[in-house]
Amino acid sequence: MDRNAVLEPVLAAAPVVPVLTIEDASTAVPLARALVKGGLPAIEITLRTAAALDAVKAVAAEVEGAFAGAGTVLDAAQLRQAEAAGAVFAVSPGASPGLLDAAADSAMPLLPGAATASEAMALMERGYEILKFFPAGPAGGIAYLKALAAPLPGVRFCPTGGVSLQNAPDYLGLANVICVGGSWVAPQDAITAGDWQRIEELARQASGLRSAA
């Protein structure tokens, strides 16, 4: 199975992948529905809270049109847990040998993180063509990614970390960027307040960024 071919349409479905930290699993379904309705179907739920796996499971089972993803996957055990919860893709801030070995045995595609040319090359040797560029801002941002395009023409990136509504169009304008990851489309105060209309509006604004890039 070509995992790049499986992952590509998920990430290419919209210019922004919302990166969510969910404290209460009961908010996951209405939150995801608002994001999908606004045009952002690929959703990364970070495994940073006790509610995260339940949130992934709920979105995968109940939200039509959503691609439920698990983020901040750090090891083989978390990868297996995410797959069992119904995630259709996993995201990691980096890439360890153990995680990559587990991903090779999984049907669920992994978006591994890289912040340097050497890390990207090591992942290319493993067959990865789509990588998370993290932390995008501190690692060099738009200028750094632009510089990687010529020596690493076979790699595309999803920059995450320091990406905002203001700078996302500049990232999306790069030929080696498939999408960006961002948390601004689902502010914590809006989630806490259950302001799904606001989140839908932010998602709709974000979904139109590719045409603006």
N, C-alpha and C. Protein backbone atom coordinates (compact mmCIF):
# COMPACT_ATOMS: atom_id res chain seq x y z
N MET A 1 0.84 -1.20 0.00
CA MET A 1 0.00 0.00 0.00
C MET A 1 0.87 1.25 0.00
N ASP A 2 0.53 2.20 -0.85
CA ASP A 2 1.26 3.47 -0.90
C ASP A 2 0.62 4.43 0.11
N ARG A 3 1.25 4.58 1.26
CA ARG A 3 0.67 5.42 2.31
C ARG A 3 0.66 6.90 1.91
N ASN A 4 1.61 7.32 1.07
CA ASN A 4 1.60 8.70 0.59
C ASN A 4 0.33 8.96 -0.22
N ALA A 5 -0.06 7.97 -1.03
CA ALA A 5 -1.25 8.12 -1.86
C ALA A 5 -2.52 8.16 -1.02
N VAL A 6 -2.49 7.49 0.14
CA VAL A 6 -3.64 7.52 1.05
C VAL A 6 -3.71 8.85 1.78
N LEU A 7 -2.56 9.35 2.21
CA LEU A 7 -2.51 10.58 3.00
C LEU A 7 -2.75 11.83 2.16
N GLU A 8 -2.28 11.83 0.93
CA GLU A 8 -2.33 13.04 0.11
C GLU A 8 -3.75 13.62 -0.04
N PRO A 9 -4.76 12.83 -0.42
CA PRO A 9 -6.09 13.44 -0.58
C PRO A 9 -6.69 13.94 0.73
N VAL A 10 -6.29 13.36 1.84
CA VAL A 10 -6.78 13.83 3.14
C VAL A 10 -6.24 15.24 3.40
N LEU A 11 -4.94 15.43 3.21
CA LEU A 11 -4.32 16.72 3.50
C LEU A 11 -4.63 17.75 2.42
N ALA A 12 -4.86 17.30 1.21
CA ALA A 12 -5.15 18.22 0.11
C ALA A 12 -6.62 18.63 0.06
N ALA A 13 -7.44 18.06 0.94
CA ALA A 13 -8.87 18.35 0.90
C ALA A 13 -9.18 19.80 1.26
N ALA A 14 -8.31 20.43 2.03
CA ALA A 14 -8.49 21.84 2.42
C ALA A 14 -7.12 22.42 2.73
N PRO A 15 -6.98 23.73 2.67
CA PRO A 15 -5.66 24.33 2.89
C PRO A 15 -5.20 24.29 4.34
N VAL A 16 -6.13 24.10 5.28
CA VAL A 16 -5.78 24.13 6.71
C VAL A 16 -6.28 22.86 7.39
N VAL A 17 -5.41 22.27 8.20
CA VAL A 17 -5.79 21.17 9.09
C VAL A 17 -5.90 21.75 10.50
N PRO A 18 -7.09 21.80 11.07
CA PRO A 18 -7.23 22.30 12.43
C PRO A 18 -6.49 21.39 13.41
N VAL A 19 -5.72 22.00 14.31
CA VAL A 19 -5.00 21.26 15.34
C VAL A 19 -5.71 21.53 16.66
N LEU A 20 -6.33 20.49 17.21
CA LEU A 20 -7.23 20.65 18.35
C LEU A 20 -6.68 19.99 19.60
N THR A 21 -6.83 20.68 20.73
CA THR A 21 -6.59 20.09 22.04
C THR A 21 -7.93 20.07 22.77
N ILE A 22 -8.49 18.89 22.93
CA ILE A 22 -9.84 18.74 23.46
C ILE A 22 -9.80 18.23 24.89
N GLU A 23 -10.32 19.01 25.79
CA GLU A 23 -10.35 18.65 27.21
C GLU A 23 -11.59 17.85 27.57
N ASP A 24 -12.69 18.08 26.86
CA ASP A 24 -13.97 17.43 27.15
C ASP A 24 -14.45 16.74 25.88
N ALA A 25 -14.50 15.42 25.90
CA ALA A 25 -14.84 14.66 24.70
C ALA A 25 -16.23 14.99 24.18
N SER A 26 -17.11 15.49 25.03
CA SER A 26 -18.47 15.80 24.59
C SER A 26 -18.50 16.98 23.61
N THR A 27 -17.43 17.75 23.56
CA THR A 27 -17.38 18.87 22.61
C THR A 27 -16.87 18.45 21.24
N ALA A 28 -16.33 17.24 21.14
CA ALA A 28 -15.63 16.84 19.92
C ALA A 28 -16.55 16.80 18.70
N VAL A 29 -17.72 16.22 18.85
CA VAL A 29 -18.61 16.06 17.69
C VAL A 29 -19.15 17.39 17.18
N PRO A 30 -19.73 18.25 18.05
CA PRO A 30 -20.20 19.54 17.51
C PRO A 30 -19.06 20.41 16.97
N LEU A 31 -17.89 20.30 17.58
CA LEU A 31 -16.73 21.05 17.10
C LEU A 31 -16.33 20.56 15.71
N ALA A 32 -16.22 19.27 15.55
CA ALA A 32 -15.84 18.71 14.25
C ALA A 32 -16.89 19.00 13.19
N ARG A 33 -18.15 18.95 13.56
CA ARG A 33 -19.20 19.25 12.58
C ARG A 33 -19.11 20.70 12.10
N ALA A 34 -18.80 21.60 13.02
CA ALA A 34 -18.64 23.01 12.63
C ALA A 34 -17.47 23.19 11.69
N LEU A 35 -16.38 22.49 11.95
CA LEU A 35 -15.19 22.60 11.09
C LEU A 35 -15.46 22.02 9.70
N VAL A 36 -16.11 20.87 9.66
CA VAL A 36 -16.43 20.25 8.37
C VAL A 36 -17.41 21.13 7.59
N LYS A 37 -18.41 21.66 8.27
CA LYS A 37 -19.38 22.53 7.61
C LYS A 37 -18.71 23.77 7.04
N GLY A 38 -17.66 24.24 7.73
CA GLY A 38 -16.92 25.39 7.26
C GLY A 38 -15.91 25.07 6.17
N GLY A 39 -15.74 23.79 5.84
CA GLY A 39 -14.87 23.41 4.74
C GLY A 39 -13.52 22.83 5.13
N LEU A 40 -13.37 22.42 6.40
CA LEU A 40 -12.10 21.83 6.85
C LEU A 40 -12.34 20.41 7.34
N PRO A 41 -12.26 19.41 6.45
CA PRO A 41 -12.61 18.04 6.84
C PRO A 41 -11.52 17.26 7.57
N ALA A 42 -10.25 17.57 7.33
CA ALA A 42 -9.15 16.85 7.99
C ALA A 42 -8.89 17.51 9.34
N ILE A 43 -9.04 16.75 10.41
CA ILE A 43 -9.02 17.31 11.75
C ILE A 43 -8.00 16.54 12.59
N GLU A 44 -7.04 17.25 13.14
CA GLU A 44 -6.01 16.64 13.99
C GLU A 44 -6.36 16.88 15.46
N ILE A 45 -6.67 15.81 16.17
CA ILE A 45 -6.95 15.88 17.61
C ILE A 45 -5.71 15.41 18.34
N THR A 46 -5.05 16.32 19.04
CA THR A 46 -3.78 15.99 19.67
C THR A 46 -3.98 15.10 20.89
N LEU A 47 -3.07 14.13 21.04
CA LEU A 47 -3.15 13.21 22.17
C LEU A 47 -2.45 13.82 23.39
N ARG A 48 -2.93 14.99 23.79
CA ARG A 48 -2.33 15.70 24.92
C ARG A 48 -3.24 15.72 26.13
N THR A 49 -4.43 15.16 26.00
CA THR A 49 -5.39 15.18 27.10
C THR A 49 -5.97 13.78 27.30
N ALA A 50 -6.57 13.57 28.48
CA ALA A 50 -7.19 12.29 28.78
C ALA A 50 -8.39 12.03 27.89
N ALA A 51 -8.99 13.08 27.35
CA ALA A 51 -10.18 12.94 26.53
C ALA A 51 -9.88 12.70 25.05
N ALA A 52 -8.62 12.77 24.66
CA ALA A 52 -8.27 12.80 23.23
C ALA A 52 -8.73 11.57 22.47
N LEU A 53 -8.44 10.39 22.97
CA LEU A 53 -8.81 9.18 22.23
C LEU A 53 -10.32 9.02 22.13
N ASP A 54 -11.03 9.36 23.19
CA ASP A 54 -12.50 9.33 23.11
C ASP A 54 -13.00 10.33 22.08
N ALA A 55 -12.33 11.47 21.98
CA ALA A 55 -12.72 12.48 21.00
C ALA A 55 -12.49 11.98 19.58
N VAL A 56 -11.34 11.35 19.35
CA VAL A 56 -11.06 10.76 18.04
C VAL A 56 -12.13 9.74 17.68
N LYS A 57 -12.44 8.88 18.63
CA LYS A 57 -13.43 7.82 18.40
C LYS A 57 -14.79 8.41 18.04
N ALA A 58 -15.19 9.45 18.76
CA ALA A 58 -16.50 10.06 18.52
C ALA A 58 -16.57 10.73 17.15
N VAL A 59 -15.52 11.45 16.80
CA VAL A 59 -15.50 12.13 15.50
C VAL A 59 -15.50 11.12 14.36
N ALA A 60 -14.69 10.07 14.52
CA ALA A 60 -14.62 9.04 13.48
C ALA A 60 -15.97 8.36 13.27
N ALA A 61 -16.71 8.16 14.35
CA ALA A 61 -17.95 7.41 14.28
C ALA A 61 -19.16 8.27 13.92
N GLU A 62 -19.12 9.57 14.28
CA GLU A 62 -20.35 10.35 14.24
C GLU A 62 -20.35 11.55 13.30
N VAL A 63 -19.19 11.94 12.78
CA VAL A 63 -19.16 13.17 11.99
C VAL A 63 -18.96 12.83 10.51
N GLU A 64 -20.03 12.95 9.76
CA GLU A 64 -19.97 12.64 8.33
C GLU A 64 -19.07 13.65 7.61
N GLY A 65 -18.19 13.13 6.77
CA GLY A 65 -17.31 13.99 5.99
C GLY A 65 -16.01 14.34 6.67
N ALA A 66 -15.84 13.94 7.93
CA ALA A 66 -14.61 14.27 8.65
C ALA A 66 -13.55 13.20 8.45
N PHE A 67 -12.32 13.64 8.34
CA PHE A 67 -11.16 12.74 8.40
C PHE A 67 -10.57 12.91 9.80
N ALA A 68 -10.88 11.99 10.69
CA ALA A 68 -10.41 12.10 12.07
C ALA A 68 -8.95 11.69 12.16
N GLY A 69 -8.12 12.60 12.64
CA GLY A 69 -6.71 12.32 12.79
C GLY A 69 -6.27 12.45 14.24
N ALA A 70 -5.20 11.75 14.59
CA ALA A 70 -4.62 11.83 15.93
C ALA A 70 -3.27 12.51 15.84
N GLY A 71 -3.09 13.56 16.63
CA GLY A 71 -1.83 14.29 16.62
C GLY A 71 -1.01 14.06 17.88
N THR A 72 0.21 14.56 17.85
CA THR A 72 1.17 14.38 18.96
C THR A 72 1.31 12.89 19.30
N VAL A 73 1.38 12.07 18.26
CA VAL A 73 1.61 10.63 18.44
C VAL A 73 3.12 10.44 18.59
N LEU A 74 3.53 9.93 19.75
CA LEU A 74 4.95 9.91 20.09
C LEU A 74 5.59 8.53 20.05
N ASP A 75 4.77 7.47 20.09
CA ASP A 75 5.37 6.13 20.14
C ASP A 75 4.43 5.10 19.53
N ALA A 76 4.90 3.87 19.48
CA ALA A 76 4.13 2.80 18.83
C ALA A 76 2.82 2.54 19.54
N ALA A 77 2.82 2.62 20.87
CA ALA A 77 1.59 2.35 21.61
C ALA A 77 0.51 3.38 21.28
N GLN A 78 0.89 4.64 21.22
CA GLN A 78 -0.09 5.68 20.87
C GLN A 78 -0.57 5.52 19.43
N LEU A 79 0.30 5.10 18.55
CA LEU A 79 -0.10 4.89 17.16
C LEU A 79 -1.17 3.80 17.09
N ARG A 80 -0.96 2.71 17.81
CA ARG A 80 -1.93 1.62 17.81
C ARG A 80 -3.25 2.07 18.45
N GLN A 81 -3.17 2.86 19.52
CA GLN A 81 -4.37 3.36 20.18
C GLN A 81 -5.17 4.27 19.24
N ALA A 82 -4.46 5.11 18.50
CA ALA A 82 -5.13 6.01 17.57
C ALA A 82 -5.83 5.24 16.47
N GLU A 83 -5.17 4.23 15.94
CA GLU A 83 -5.77 3.42 14.88
C GLU A 83 -7.00 2.68 15.41
N ALA A 84 -6.90 2.15 16.62
CA ALA A 84 -8.03 1.43 17.22
C ALA A 84 -9.21 2.36 17.47
N ALA A 85 -8.93 3.64 17.72
CA ALA A 85 -9.99 4.62 17.96
C ALA A 85 -10.68 5.05 16.67
N GLY A 86 -10.12 4.69 15.53
CA GLY A 86 -10.75 5.02 14.26
C GLY A 86 -10.09 6.15 13.49
N ALA A 87 -8.94 6.60 13.96
CA ALA A 87 -8.23 7.66 13.24
C ALA A 87 -7.85 7.17 11.85
N VAL A 88 -7.95 8.07 10.86
CA VAL A 88 -7.58 7.71 9.50
C VAL A 88 -6.19 8.23 9.13
N PHE A 89 -5.62 9.05 10.01
CA PHE A 89 -4.23 9.46 9.85
C PHE A 89 -3.68 9.85 11.21
N ALA A 90 -2.36 9.80 11.33
CA ALA A 90 -1.68 10.17 12.57
C ALA A 90 -0.61 11.20 12.26
N VAL A 91 -0.33 12.05 13.23
CA VAL A 91 0.65 13.12 13.07
C VAL A 91 1.60 13.08 14.26
N SER A 92 2.88 13.24 13.98
CA SER A 92 3.88 13.27 15.04
C SER A 92 4.74 14.52 14.90
N PRO A 93 5.19 15.11 16.02
CA PRO A 93 6.07 16.27 15.92
C PRO A 93 7.46 15.93 15.41
N GLY A 94 7.82 14.66 15.47
CA GLY A 94 9.12 14.22 15.00
C GLY A 94 9.01 12.81 14.45
N ALA A 95 10.08 12.05 14.57
CA ALA A 95 10.06 10.68 14.07
C ALA A 95 11.16 9.88 14.75
N SER A 96 10.76 8.86 15.52
CA SER A 96 11.73 7.96 16.15
C SER A 96 11.73 6.64 15.40
N PRO A 97 12.81 5.87 15.50
CA PRO A 97 12.84 4.57 14.81
C PRO A 97 11.69 3.67 15.23
N GLY A 98 11.36 3.65 16.54
CA GLY A 98 10.28 2.79 17.00
C GLY A 98 8.93 3.19 16.43
N LEU A 99 8.68 4.48 16.36
CA LEU A 99 7.41 4.96 15.79
C LEU A 99 7.34 4.62 14.30
N LEU A 100 8.45 4.83 13.60
CA LEU A 100 8.45 4.55 12.16
C LEU A 100 8.30 3.06 11.87
N ASP A 101 8.88 2.22 12.71
CA ASP A 101 8.71 0.77 12.55
C ASP A 101 7.24 0.39 12.74
N ALA A 102 6.60 0.98 13.76
CA ALA A 102 5.19 0.69 13.99
C ALA A 102 4.33 1.19 12.84
N ALA A 103 4.66 2.36 12.31
CA ALA A 103 3.90 2.93 11.19
C ALA A 103 4.03 2.05 9.95
N ALA A 104 5.18 1.41 9.78
CA ALA A 104 5.37 0.54 8.62
C ALA A 104 4.45 -0.68 8.67
N ASP A 105 4.03 -1.06 9.89
CA ASP A 105 3.15 -2.21 10.06
C ASP A 105 1.68 -1.81 10.16
N SER A 106 1.41 -0.52 10.03
CA SER A 106 0.04 -0.02 10.20
C SER A 106 -0.57 0.36 8.85
N ALA A 107 -1.86 0.17 8.73
CA ALA A 107 -2.56 0.61 7.52
C ALA A 107 -2.87 2.09 7.57
N MET A 108 -2.73 2.71 8.74
CA MET A 108 -3.03 4.13 8.91
C MET A 108 -1.80 4.96 8.55
N PRO A 109 -1.90 5.93 7.64
CA PRO A 109 -0.72 6.70 7.26
C PRO A 109 -0.29 7.65 8.37
N LEU A 110 1.01 7.86 8.44
CA LEU A 110 1.61 8.76 9.42
C LEU A 110 2.18 9.98 8.72
N LEU A 111 1.95 11.14 9.32
CA LEU A 111 2.59 12.38 8.89
C LEU A 111 3.66 12.69 9.92
N PRO A 112 4.92 12.30 9.67
CA PRO A 112 5.97 12.50 10.67
C PRO A 112 6.58 13.90 10.57
N GLY A 113 7.12 14.36 11.67
CA GLY A 113 7.67 15.70 11.71
C GLY A 113 9.15 15.74 11.36
N ALA A 114 9.55 16.85 10.73
CA ALA A 114 10.96 17.10 10.42
C ALA A 114 11.20 18.60 10.51
N ALA A 115 12.37 18.96 11.01
CA ALA A 115 12.70 20.38 11.12
C ALA A 115 14.01 20.72 10.42
N THR A 116 14.69 19.71 9.87
CA THR A 116 15.96 19.94 9.18
C THR A 116 16.01 19.14 7.89
N ALA A 117 16.95 19.49 7.02
CA ALA A 117 17.12 18.74 5.78
C ALA A 117 17.52 17.30 6.07
N SER A 118 18.37 17.10 7.07
CA SER A 118 18.82 15.74 7.41
C SER A 118 17.65 14.88 7.88
N GLU A 119 16.77 15.46 8.70
CA GLU A 119 15.60 14.70 9.16
C GLU A 119 14.69 14.36 7.99
N ALA A 120 14.51 15.31 7.09
CA ALA A 120 13.68 15.06 5.91
C ALA A 120 14.28 13.96 5.04
N MET A 121 15.60 13.98 4.87
CA MET A 121 16.26 12.96 4.05
C MET A 121 16.13 11.57 4.68
N ALA A 122 16.24 11.50 6.01
CA ALA A 122 16.08 10.21 6.69
C ALA A 122 14.67 9.66 6.49
N LEU A 123 13.69 10.54 6.51
CA LEU A 123 12.32 10.09 6.28
C LEU A 123 12.08 9.72 4.82
N MET A 124 12.74 10.42 3.91
CA MET A 124 12.65 10.06 2.50
C MET A 124 13.18 8.63 2.28
N GLU A 125 14.23 8.26 2.99
CA GLU A 125 14.77 6.90 2.87
C GLU A 125 13.76 5.85 3.33
N ARG A 126 12.86 6.26 4.20
CA ARG A 126 11.79 5.38 4.68
C ARG A 126 10.57 5.41 3.77
N GLY A 127 10.62 6.21 2.72
CA GLY A 127 9.52 6.26 1.76
C GLY A 127 8.53 7.38 1.96
N TYR A 128 8.82 8.27 2.90
CA TYR A 128 7.89 9.37 3.16
C TYR A 128 8.11 10.52 2.18
N GLU A 129 7.00 11.00 1.61
CA GLU A 129 7.04 12.12 0.68
C GLU A 129 6.30 13.34 1.20
N ILE A 130 5.50 13.16 2.26
CA ILE A 130 4.75 14.26 2.88
C ILE A 130 5.11 14.31 4.35
N LEU A 131 5.62 15.46 4.79
CA LEU A 131 6.12 15.60 6.16
C LEU A 131 5.49 16.79 6.85
N LYS A 132 5.42 16.71 8.15
CA LYS A 132 5.06 17.87 8.96
C LYS A 132 6.33 18.68 9.19
N PHE A 133 6.27 19.97 8.95
CA PHE A 133 7.41 20.85 9.25
C PHE A 133 7.10 21.53 10.58
N PHE A 134 7.82 21.11 11.62
CA PHE A 134 7.50 21.56 12.97
C PHE A 134 8.78 21.74 13.80
N PRO A 135 8.83 22.77 14.62
CA PRO A 135 7.90 23.91 14.71
C PRO A 135 8.22 24.92 13.62
N ALA A 136 7.26 25.19 12.78
CA ALA A 136 7.51 25.93 11.54
C ALA A 136 8.16 27.29 11.78
N GLY A 137 7.55 28.10 12.64
CA GLY A 137 8.09 29.44 12.87
C GLY A 137 9.50 29.43 13.44
N PRO A 138 9.71 28.80 14.59
CA PRO A 138 11.04 28.76 15.18
C PRO A 138 12.09 28.06 14.31
N ALA A 139 11.66 27.11 13.47
CA ALA A 139 12.61 26.36 12.65
C ALA A 139 13.07 27.11 11.40
N GLY A 140 12.49 28.24 11.12
CA GLY A 140 12.93 29.02 9.97
C GLY A 140 11.83 29.51 9.07
N GLY A 141 10.62 28.99 9.29
CA GLY A 141 9.45 29.53 8.61
C GLY A 141 9.47 29.43 7.09
N ILE A 142 8.87 30.43 6.48
CA ILE A 142 8.65 30.44 5.04
C ILE A 142 9.96 30.43 4.27
N ALA A 143 10.92 31.22 4.70
CA ALA A 143 12.21 31.29 4.00
C ALA A 143 12.92 29.95 4.02
N TYR A 144 12.86 29.26 5.14
CA TYR A 144 13.53 27.96 5.26
C TYR A 144 12.88 26.93 4.35
N LEU A 145 11.54 26.87 4.36
CA LEU A 145 10.85 25.92 3.50
C LEU A 145 11.12 26.21 2.02
N LYS A 146 11.15 27.48 1.67
CA LYS A 146 11.44 27.85 0.29
C LYS A 146 12.82 27.37 -0.11
N ALA A 147 13.78 27.45 0.81
CA ALA A 147 15.15 27.01 0.52
C ALA A 147 15.25 25.50 0.36
N LEU A 148 14.35 24.75 1.01
CA LEU A 148 14.38 23.29 0.90
C LEU A 148 13.80 22.77 -0.41
N ALA A 149 13.03 23.60 -1.11
CA ALA A 149 12.30 23.14 -2.28
C ALA A 149 13.22 22.60 -3.38
N ALA A 150 14.30 23.30 -3.66
CA ALA A 150 15.17 22.87 -4.76
C ALA A 150 15.96 21.60 -4.44
N PRO A 151 16.62 21.49 -3.27
CA PRO A 151 17.38 20.27 -2.99
C PRO A 151 16.51 19.07 -2.64
N LEU A 152 15.27 19.29 -2.21
CA LEU A 152 14.39 18.19 -1.83
C LEU A 152 13.08 18.28 -2.63
N PRO A 153 13.16 18.13 -3.95
CA PRO A 153 11.99 18.37 -4.80
C PRO A 153 10.88 17.34 -4.62
N GLY A 154 11.20 16.20 -4.03
CA GLY A 154 10.20 15.15 -3.90
C GLY A 154 9.40 15.20 -2.62
N VAL A 155 9.62 16.23 -1.80
CA VAL A 155 8.97 16.30 -0.49
C VAL A 155 8.01 17.48 -0.44
N ARG A 156 6.85 17.24 0.15
CA ARG A 156 5.93 18.33 0.45
C ARG A 156 5.69 18.37 1.96
N PHE A 157 5.38 19.56 2.43
CA PHE A 157 5.31 19.77 3.87
C PHE A 157 3.96 20.31 4.30
N CYS A 158 3.63 20.00 5.55
CA CYS A 158 2.51 20.64 6.25
C CYS A 158 3.11 21.41 7.42
N PRO A 159 3.41 22.70 7.24
CA PRO A 159 4.01 23.47 8.33
C PRO A 159 3.00 23.72 9.44
N THR A 160 3.45 23.53 10.67
CA THR A 160 2.62 23.71 11.85
C THR A 160 3.48 24.30 12.96
N GLY A 161 2.89 25.22 13.72
CA GLY A 161 3.64 25.86 14.80
C GLY A 161 4.00 27.28 14.42
N GLY A 162 3.20 28.22 14.90
CA GLY A 162 3.42 29.62 14.52
C GLY A 162 2.73 30.02 13.24
N VAL A 163 1.88 29.14 12.71
CA VAL A 163 1.12 29.47 11.50
C VAL A 163 -0.18 30.16 11.93
N SER A 164 -0.51 31.24 11.24
CA SER A 164 -1.69 32.03 11.60
C SER A 164 -2.47 32.39 10.34
N LEU A 165 -3.62 33.00 10.55
CA LEU A 165 -4.42 33.48 9.42
C LEU A 165 -3.61 34.47 8.58
N GLN A 166 -2.75 35.24 9.24
CA GLN A 166 -1.99 36.28 8.55
C GLN A 166 -0.87 35.69 7.67
N ASN A 167 -0.14 34.69 8.18
CA ASN A 167 0.99 34.19 7.39
C ASN A 167 0.68 32.90 6.62
N ALA A 168 -0.48 32.29 6.86
CA ALA A 168 -0.82 31.05 6.16
C ALA A 168 -0.79 31.20 4.63
N PRO A 169 -1.30 32.31 4.06
CA PRO A 169 -1.24 32.42 2.59
C PRO A 169 0.18 32.39 2.04
N ASP A 170 1.15 32.92 2.80
CA ASP A 170 2.54 32.89 2.34
C ASP A 170 3.08 31.47 2.34
N TYR A 171 2.74 30.70 3.38
CA TYR A 171 3.14 29.29 3.38
C TYR A 171 2.47 28.55 2.22
N LEU A 172 1.18 28.76 2.05
CA LEU A 172 0.43 28.03 1.02
C LEU A 172 0.86 28.41 -0.39
N GLY A 173 1.52 29.55 -0.53
CA GLY A 173 2.02 29.96 -1.83
C GLY A 173 3.28 29.24 -2.26
N LEU A 174 3.88 28.46 -1.35
CA LEU A 174 5.09 27.70 -1.69
C LEU A 174 4.72 26.40 -2.40
N ALA A 175 5.49 26.05 -3.41
CA ALA A 175 5.19 24.85 -4.19
C ALA A 175 5.31 23.57 -3.39
N ASN A 176 6.14 23.58 -2.33
CA ASN A 176 6.35 22.36 -1.54
C ASN A 176 5.50 22.30 -0.29
N VAL A 177 4.44 23.09 -0.22
CA VAL A 177 3.51 23.06 0.92
C VAL A 177 2.17 22.52 0.45
N ILE A 178 1.72 21.42 1.05
CA ILE A 178 0.44 20.82 0.68
C ILE A 178 -0.71 21.42 1.47
N CYS A 179 -0.45 21.83 2.70
CA CYS A 179 -1.45 22.44 3.57
C CYS A 179 -0.70 22.99 4.77
N VAL A 180 -1.42 23.66 5.66
CA VAL A 180 -0.82 24.11 6.92
C VAL A 180 -1.67 23.58 8.07
N GLY A 181 -1.04 23.47 9.23
CA GLY A 181 -1.77 23.10 10.43
C GLY A 181 -1.89 24.30 11.34
N GLY A 182 -3.06 24.49 11.94
CA GLY A 182 -3.23 25.65 12.79
C GLY A 182 -4.32 25.47 13.81
N SER A 183 -4.15 26.13 14.95
CA SER A 183 -5.14 26.06 16.03
C SER A 183 -6.06 27.27 16.06
N TRP A 184 -5.75 28.29 15.25
CA TRP A 184 -6.53 29.53 15.33
C TRP A 184 -7.98 29.35 14.89
N VAL A 185 -8.25 28.30 14.11
CA VAL A 185 -9.62 28.11 13.61
C VAL A 185 -10.57 27.59 14.70
N ALA A 186 -10.02 27.14 15.81
CA ALA A 186 -10.86 26.64 16.91
C ALA A 186 -10.33 27.18 18.23
N PRO A 187 -10.54 28.47 18.50
CA PRO A 187 -10.03 29.07 19.74
C PRO A 187 -10.63 28.39 20.97
N GLN A 188 -9.82 28.25 22.00
CA GLN A 188 -10.27 27.55 23.19
C GLN A 188 -11.48 28.21 23.83
N ASP A 189 -11.55 29.54 23.78
CA ASP A 189 -12.70 30.20 24.39
C ASP A 189 -13.98 29.90 23.64
N ALA A 190 -13.88 29.75 22.32
CA ALA A 190 -15.06 29.41 21.53
C ALA A 190 -15.52 27.98 21.80
N ILE A 191 -14.54 27.08 21.98
CA ILE A 191 -14.89 25.69 22.29
C ILE A 191 -15.57 25.63 23.66
N THR A 192 -14.99 26.31 24.64
CA THR A 192 -15.56 26.31 25.99
C THR A 192 -16.98 26.88 26.00
N ALA A 193 -17.20 27.91 25.20
CA ALA A 193 -18.51 28.55 25.14
C ALA A 193 -19.50 27.80 24.24
N GLY A 194 -19.01 26.81 23.51
CA GLY A 194 -19.88 26.11 22.56
C GLY A 194 -20.31 27.00 21.41
N ASP A 195 -19.44 27.93 21.04
CA ASP A 195 -19.76 28.87 19.97
C ASP A 195 -19.39 28.25 18.63
N TRP A 196 -20.19 27.28 18.21
CA TRP A 196 -19.88 26.54 16.99
C TRP A 196 -20.04 27.41 15.74
N GLN A 197 -20.92 28.39 15.80
CA GLN A 197 -21.10 29.28 14.66
C GLN A 197 -19.83 30.07 14.39
N ARG A 198 -19.19 30.55 15.45
CA ARG A 198 -17.93 31.29 15.28
C ARG A 198 -16.85 30.39 14.69
N ILE A 199 -16.79 29.16 15.16
CA ILE A 199 -15.78 28.23 14.65
C ILE A 199 -16.07 27.88 13.19
N GLU A 200 -17.34 27.71 12.85
CA GLU A 200 -17.68 27.46 11.44
C GLU A 200 -17.25 28.63 10.56
N GLU A 201 -17.46 29.84 11.03
CA GLU A 201 -17.06 31.03 10.26
C GLU A 201 -15.54 31.11 10.10
N LEU A 202 -14.82 30.79 11.17
CA LEU A 202 -13.35 30.79 11.08
C LEU A 202 -12.88 29.71 10.11
N ALA A 203 -13.55 28.56 10.15
CA ALA A 203 -13.19 27.47 9.24
C ALA A 203 -13.45 27.86 7.80
N ARG A 204 -14.57 28.52 7.55
CA ARG A 204 -14.90 28.94 6.19
C ARG A 204 -13.87 29.95 5.67
N GLN A 205 -13.45 30.85 6.55
CA GLN A 205 -12.41 31.81 6.18
C GLN A 205 -11.11 31.09 5.84
N ALA A 206 -10.76 30.10 6.66
CA ALA A 206 -9.53 29.35 6.42
C ALA A 206 -9.60 28.51 5.17
N SER A 207 -10.79 27.96 4.88
CA SER A 207 -10.92 27.08 3.71
C SER A 207 -10.74 27.84 2.41
N GLY A 208 -10.87 29.16 2.45
CA GLY A 208 -10.68 29.96 1.25
C GLY A 208 -9.27 30.48 1.06
N LEU A 209 -8.36 30.07 1.94
CA LEU A 209 -7.00 30.62 1.88
C LEU A 209 -6.21 30.17 0.67
N ARG A 210 -6.49 28.99 0.16
CA ARG A 210 -5.68 28.50 -0.97
C ARG A 210 -5.85 29.41 -2.19
N SER A 211 -7.06 29.87 -2.41
CA SER A 211 -7.30 30.75 -3.55
C SER A 211 -6.64 32.10 -3.34
N ALA A 212 -6.39 32.44 -2.06
CA ALA A 212 -5.75 33.73 -1.77
C ALA A 212 -4.23 33.64 -1.82
N ALA A 213 -3.72 32.39 -1.80
CA ALA A 213 -2.25 32.21 -1.75
C ALA A 213 -1.62 32.52 -3.10
